[in-house]
Amino acid sequence: MRFSPRGYGGTRRDPDQVRRDGWHELGLLAVSVDDPRLTWPEREMVAQLGRKLYGPRAGEGGRSHG
């Protein structure tokens, strides 16, 4: 019998399931700024949070939004 550490065997979870589990189990939220399920104001809020926490994205330069 072969032992495989978690995540190194069997079936892979789809990325959305990983994000869902992260939210439910750890309180972590991974959101794409381009997620089509979000409205424009929601996407803009995600982008503002990202800039505040981590700085501008590649290609954004140093521009500020508010």
N, C-alpha and C. Protein backbone atom coordinates (compact mmCIF):
# COMPACT_ATOMS: atom_id res chain seq x y z
N MET A 1 0.85 -1.19 0.00
CA MET A 1 0.00 0.00 0.00
C MET A 1 0.89 1.25 0.00
N ARG A 2 0.52 2.19 -0.81
CA ARG A 2 1.33 3.40 -0.94
C ARG A 2 0.63 4.55 -0.23
N PHE A 3 1.36 5.31 0.55
CA PHE A 3 0.82 6.45 1.28
C PHE A 3 1.16 7.73 0.52
N SER A 4 0.16 8.56 0.33
CA SER A 4 0.38 9.85 -0.31
C SER A 4 -0.09 10.95 0.63
N PRO A 5 0.76 11.96 0.89
CA PRO A 5 0.33 13.07 1.73
C PRO A 5 -0.87 13.78 1.09
N ARG A 6 -1.65 14.45 1.91
CA ARG A 6 -2.82 15.17 1.43
C ARG A 6 -2.43 16.11 0.29
N GLY A 7 -3.17 16.04 -0.78
CA GLY A 7 -2.90 16.89 -1.93
C GLY A 7 -1.97 16.27 -2.96
N TYR A 8 -1.45 15.07 -2.68
CA TYR A 8 -0.51 14.42 -3.59
C TYR A 8 -1.03 13.10 -4.15
N GLY A 9 -2.31 12.95 -4.16
CA GLY A 9 -2.85 11.71 -4.70
C GLY A 9 -4.36 11.81 -4.79
N GLY A 10 -4.96 10.84 -5.41
CA GLY A 10 -6.40 10.86 -5.51
C GLY A 10 -6.89 11.93 -6.46
N THR A 11 -8.02 12.50 -6.12
CA THR A 11 -8.61 13.51 -7.00
C THR A 11 -8.25 14.91 -6.51
N ARG A 12 -8.13 15.81 -7.46
CA ARG A 12 -7.85 17.21 -7.14
C ARG A 12 -9.15 17.97 -6.98
N ARG A 13 -9.17 18.87 -6.00
CA ARG A 13 -10.32 19.75 -5.85
C ARG A 13 -10.23 20.85 -6.90
N ASP A 14 -11.37 21.26 -7.42
CA ASP A 14 -11.33 22.36 -8.38
C ASP A 14 -11.01 23.65 -7.62
N PRO A 15 -10.45 24.66 -8.31
CA PRO A 15 -10.04 25.89 -7.63
C PRO A 15 -11.15 26.57 -6.83
N ASP A 16 -12.38 26.52 -7.34
CA ASP A 16 -13.47 27.15 -6.61
C ASP A 16 -13.74 26.42 -5.30
N GLN A 17 -13.56 25.11 -5.28
CA GLN A 17 -13.74 24.35 -4.04
C GLN A 17 -12.64 24.68 -3.04
N VAL A 18 -11.43 24.89 -3.51
CA VAL A 18 -10.33 25.28 -2.63
C VAL A 18 -10.66 26.63 -1.99
N ARG A 19 -11.13 27.59 -2.79
CA ARG A 19 -11.49 28.90 -2.25
C ARG A 19 -12.64 28.79 -1.25
N ARG A 20 -13.64 27.99 -1.59
CA ARG A 20 -14.79 27.79 -0.70
C ARG A 20 -14.35 27.19 0.63
N ASP A 21 -13.50 26.16 0.57
CA ASP A 21 -12.99 25.53 1.80
C ASP A 21 -12.16 26.51 2.62
N GLY A 22 -11.35 27.33 1.95
CA GLY A 22 -10.55 28.33 2.65
C GLY A 22 -11.42 29.31 3.41
N TRP A 23 -12.52 29.70 2.81
CA TRP A 23 -13.43 30.63 3.47
C TRP A 23 -14.10 29.96 4.67
N HIS A 24 -14.64 28.77 4.47
CA HIS A 24 -15.37 28.08 5.54
C HIS A 24 -14.47 27.63 6.68
N GLU A 25 -13.28 27.15 6.35
CA GLU A 25 -12.41 26.56 7.36
C GLU A 25 -11.47 27.56 8.02
N LEU A 26 -11.02 28.57 7.27
CA LEU A 26 -9.98 29.47 7.77
C LEU A 26 -10.38 30.94 7.79
N GLY A 27 -11.52 31.27 7.19
CA GLY A 27 -11.91 32.67 7.11
C GLY A 27 -11.09 33.46 6.11
N LEU A 28 -10.47 32.76 5.16
CA LEU A 28 -9.69 33.41 4.10
C LEU A 28 -10.55 33.58 2.87
N LEU A 29 -10.41 34.71 2.21
CA LEU A 29 -11.20 34.99 1.02
C LEU A 29 -10.26 35.24 -0.15
N ALA A 30 -10.37 34.43 -1.18
CA ALA A 30 -9.58 34.60 -2.40
C ALA A 30 -10.55 34.97 -3.51
N VAL A 31 -10.47 36.19 -3.99
CA VAL A 31 -11.42 36.70 -4.97
C VAL A 31 -10.66 37.27 -6.16
N SER A 32 -11.07 36.88 -7.35
CA SER A 32 -10.49 37.45 -8.56
C SER A 32 -11.18 38.78 -8.85
N VAL A 33 -10.40 39.78 -9.16
CA VAL A 33 -10.96 41.07 -9.50
C VAL A 33 -11.77 41.00 -10.80
N ASP A 34 -11.56 39.94 -11.57
CA ASP A 34 -12.28 39.75 -12.83
C ASP A 34 -13.42 38.74 -12.74
N ASP A 35 -13.80 38.34 -11.53
CA ASP A 35 -14.86 37.34 -11.37
C ASP A 35 -16.18 37.87 -11.94
N PRO A 36 -16.74 37.19 -12.94
CA PRO A 36 -17.96 37.68 -13.58
C PRO A 36 -19.20 37.64 -12.68
N ARG A 37 -19.10 36.96 -11.55
CA ARG A 37 -20.24 36.93 -10.62
C ARG A 37 -20.38 38.22 -9.83
N LEU A 38 -19.33 39.06 -9.87
CA LEU A 38 -19.35 40.32 -9.13
C LEU A 38 -19.83 41.46 -10.00
N THR A 39 -20.50 42.40 -9.37
CA THR A 39 -20.90 43.62 -10.08
C THR A 39 -19.68 44.54 -10.18
N TRP A 40 -19.79 45.59 -11.00
CA TRP A 40 -18.67 46.52 -11.13
C TRP A 40 -18.28 47.12 -9.78
N PRO A 41 -19.22 47.61 -8.95
CA PRO A 41 -18.80 48.16 -7.65
C PRO A 41 -18.10 47.12 -6.76
N GLU A 42 -18.54 45.88 -6.82
CA GLU A 42 -17.89 44.83 -6.03
C GLU A 42 -16.48 44.57 -6.53
N ARG A 43 -16.29 44.52 -7.86
CA ARG A 43 -14.95 44.32 -8.42
C ARG A 43 -14.03 45.48 -8.04
N GLU A 44 -14.55 46.69 -8.08
CA GLU A 44 -13.76 47.86 -7.72
C GLU A 44 -13.36 47.81 -6.25
N MET A 45 -14.27 47.36 -5.38
CA MET A 45 -13.95 47.24 -3.96
C MET A 45 -12.84 46.20 -3.75
N VAL A 46 -12.91 45.09 -4.46
CA VAL A 46 -11.86 44.06 -4.38
C VAL A 46 -10.52 44.66 -4.81
N ALA A 47 -10.53 45.41 -5.91
CA ALA A 47 -9.30 46.02 -6.42
C ALA A 47 -8.74 47.02 -5.40
N GLN A 48 -9.61 47.82 -4.78
CA GLN A 48 -9.16 48.79 -3.78
C GLN A 48 -8.57 48.10 -2.57
N LEU A 49 -9.20 47.01 -2.12
CA LEU A 49 -8.65 46.25 -0.99
C LEU A 49 -7.28 45.67 -1.34
N GLY A 50 -7.16 45.13 -2.55
CA GLY A 50 -5.88 44.57 -2.97
C GLY A 50 -4.78 45.62 -2.99
N ARG A 51 -5.10 46.80 -3.55
CA ARG A 51 -4.11 47.88 -3.58
C ARG A 51 -3.73 48.33 -2.18
N LYS A 52 -4.71 48.43 -1.30
CA LYS A 52 -4.44 48.87 0.07
C LYS A 52 -3.55 47.88 0.80
N LEU A 53 -3.83 46.59 0.66
CA LEU A 53 -3.09 45.58 1.39
C LEU A 53 -1.75 45.22 0.76
N TYR A 54 -1.69 45.22 -0.59
CA TYR A 54 -0.52 44.68 -1.27
C TYR A 54 0.13 45.61 -2.27
N GLY A 55 -0.42 46.80 -2.47
CA GLY A 55 0.15 47.73 -3.44
C GLY A 55 -0.46 47.51 -4.81
N PRO A 56 -0.06 48.33 -5.78
CA PRO A 56 -0.64 48.24 -7.12
C PRO A 56 -0.25 46.95 -7.83
N ARG A 57 -1.12 46.51 -8.72
CA ARG A 57 -0.84 45.33 -9.54
C ARG A 57 0.18 45.71 -10.62
N ALA A 58 0.80 44.70 -11.20
CA ALA A 58 1.74 44.93 -12.29
C ALA A 58 1.02 45.68 -13.41
N GLY A 59 1.61 46.72 -13.91
CA GLY A 59 1.01 47.49 -14.99
C GLY A 59 0.16 48.65 -14.50
N GLU A 60 -0.10 48.73 -13.20
CA GLU A 60 -0.91 49.83 -12.68
C GLU A 60 -0.05 51.04 -12.35
N GLY A 61 1.24 50.84 -12.26
CA GLY A 61 2.11 51.94 -11.86
C GLY A 61 1.81 52.30 -10.41
N GLY A 62 1.90 53.54 -10.08
CA GLY A 62 1.65 53.97 -8.71
C GLY A 62 0.36 54.73 -8.57
N ARG A 63 -0.51 54.60 -9.54
CA ARG A 63 -1.73 55.42 -9.50
C ARG A 63 -2.60 55.04 -8.30
N SER A 64 -3.31 56.03 -7.82
CA SER A 64 -4.17 55.84 -6.65
C SER A 64 -5.61 56.08 -7.03
N HIS A 65 -6.50 55.36 -6.39
CA HIS A 65 -7.93 55.50 -6.66
C HIS A 65 -8.64 55.96 -5.41
N GLY A 66 -8.52 57.21 -5.04
CA GLY A 66 -9.28 57.73 -3.92
C GLY A 66 -8.47 57.80 -2.73
